């Protein structure tokens, strides 16, 4: 368990270091918009799935 937590911390630190190494403000904005779009897509598809399941009953 401790190994997996250490692995997650290491991956998070690597992602954070990558974010801090990006110099271009446009690239950061682009990555942030992509991140929000992926979360929005996940929420949208989940809502559609639950509506579809609700219509079965």
C-alpha atoms as a PDB file:
ATOM      1  CA  UNK A   1       0.000   0.000   0.000  1.00  0.00           C
ATOM      2  CA  UNK A   2       2.785   2.388   0.920  1.00  0.00           C
ATOM      3  CA  UNK A   3       4.531   1.658  -2.380  1.00  0.00           C
ATOM      4  CA  UNK A   4       1.445   2.569  -4.396  1.00  0.00           C
ATOM      5  CA  UNK A   5       1.004   5.804  -2.431  1.00  0.00           C
ATOM      6  CA  UNK A   6       4.664   6.670  -3.045  1.00  0.00           C
ATOM      7  CA  UNK A   7       4.185   5.898  -6.741  1.00  0.00           C
ATOM      8  CA  UNK A   8       1.142   8.196  -6.925  1.00  0.00           C
ATOM      9  CA  UNK A   9       3.043  10.968  -5.155  1.00  0.00           C
ATOM     10  CA  UNK A  10       5.910  10.553  -7.599  1.00  0.00           C
ATOM     11  CA  UNK A  11       3.602  10.729 -10.607  1.00  0.00           C
ATOM     12  CA  UNK A  12       1.850  13.806  -9.218  1.00  0.00           C
ATOM     13  CA  UNK A  13       5.187  15.496  -8.598  1.00  0.00           C
ATOM     14  CA  UNK A  14       6.291  14.686 -12.160  1.00  0.00           C
ATOM     15  CA  UNK A  15       3.094  16.211 -13.587  1.00  0.00           C
ATOM     16  CA  UNK A  16       3.486  19.283 -11.398  1.00  0.00           C
ATOM     17  CA  UNK A  17       7.115  19.697 -12.488  1.00  0.00           C
ATOM     18  CA  UNK A  18       6.022  19.394 -16.125  1.00  0.00           C
ATOM     19  CA  UNK A  19       3.391  22.092 -15.561  1.00  0.00           C
ATOM     20  CA  UNK A  20       5.932  24.435 -13.970  1.00  0.00           C
ATOM     21  CA  UNK A  21       8.407  23.871 -16.836  1.00  0.00           C
ATOM     22  CA  UNK A  22       5.934  25.041 -19.477  1.00  0.00           C
ATOM     23  CA  UNK A  23       6.960  28.590 -20.318  1.00  0.00           C
ATOM     24  CA  UNK A  24       4.257  29.442 -22.833  1.00  0.00           C
ATOM     25  CA  UNK A  25       1.110  30.928 -21.362  1.00  0.00           C
ATOM     26  CA  UNK A  26      -0.826  29.845 -24.469  1.00  0.00           C
ATOM     27  CA  UNK A  27       0.219  26.226 -23.946  1.00  0.00           C
ATOM     28  CA  UNK A  28      -0.921  26.322 -20.320  1.00  0.00           C
ATOM     29  CA  UNK A  29      -4.290  27.781 -21.323  1.00  0.00           C
ATOM     30  CA  UNK A  30      -4.652  25.139 -24.051  1.00  0.00           C
ATOM     31  CA  UNK A  31      -3.878  22.294 -21.637  1.00  0.00           C
ATOM     32  CA  UNK A  32      -6.289  23.734 -19.054  1.00  0.00           C
ATOM     33  CA  UNK A  33      -9.081  23.984 -21.637  1.00  0.00           C
ATOM     34  CA  UNK A  34      -8.441  20.397 -22.759  1.00  0.00           C
ATOM     35  CA  UNK A  35      -8.588  19.280 -19.106  1.00  0.00           C
ATOM     36  CA  UNK A  36     -11.916  21.063 -18.570  1.00  0.00           C
ATOM     37  CA  UNK A  37     -13.283  19.664 -21.831  1.00  0.00           C
ATOM     38  CA  UNK A  38     -12.420  16.110 -20.794  1.00  0.00           C
ATOM     39  CA  UNK A  39     -14.116  16.569 -17.434  1.00  0.00           C
ATOM     40  CA  UNK A  40     -17.159  18.114 -19.128  1.00  0.00           C
ATOM     41  CA  UNK A  41     -17.328  15.247 -21.589  1.00  0.00           C
ATOM     42  CA  UNK A  42     -17.173  12.711 -18.753  1.00  0.00           C
ATOM     43  CA  UNK A  43     -19.972  14.467 -16.836  1.00  0.00           C
ATOM     44  CA  UNK A  44     -22.085  14.821 -19.990  1.00  0.00           C
ATOM     45  CA  UNK A  45     -21.758  11.151 -20.929  1.00  0.00           C
ATOM     46  CA  UNK A  46     -22.468  10.055 -17.362  1.00  0.00           C
ATOM     47  CA  UNK A  47     -25.674  12.112 -17.286  1.00  0.00           C
ATOM     48  CA  UNK A  48     -26.760  10.642 -20.611  1.00  0.00           C
ATOM     49  CA  UNK A  49     -26.040   7.137 -19.333  1.00  0.00           C
ATOM     50  CA  UNK A  50     -28.148   7.680 -16.225  1.00  0.00           C
ATOM     51  CA  UNK A  51     -31.005   9.109 -18.307  1.00  0.00           C
ATOM     52  CA  UNK A  52     -30.856   6.036 -20.511  1.00  0.00           C
ATOM     53  CA  UNK A  53     -30.889   3.755 -17.477  1.00  0.00           C
ATOM     54  CA  UNK A  54     -33.779   5.677 -15.928  1.00  0.00           C
ATOM     55  CA  UNK A  55     -35.877   5.229 -19.059  1.00  0.00           C
ATOM     56  CA  UNK A  56     -35.560   1.446 -18.727  1.00  0.00           C
ATOM     57  CA  UNK A  57     -37.506   1.395 -15.468  1.00  0.00           C
END
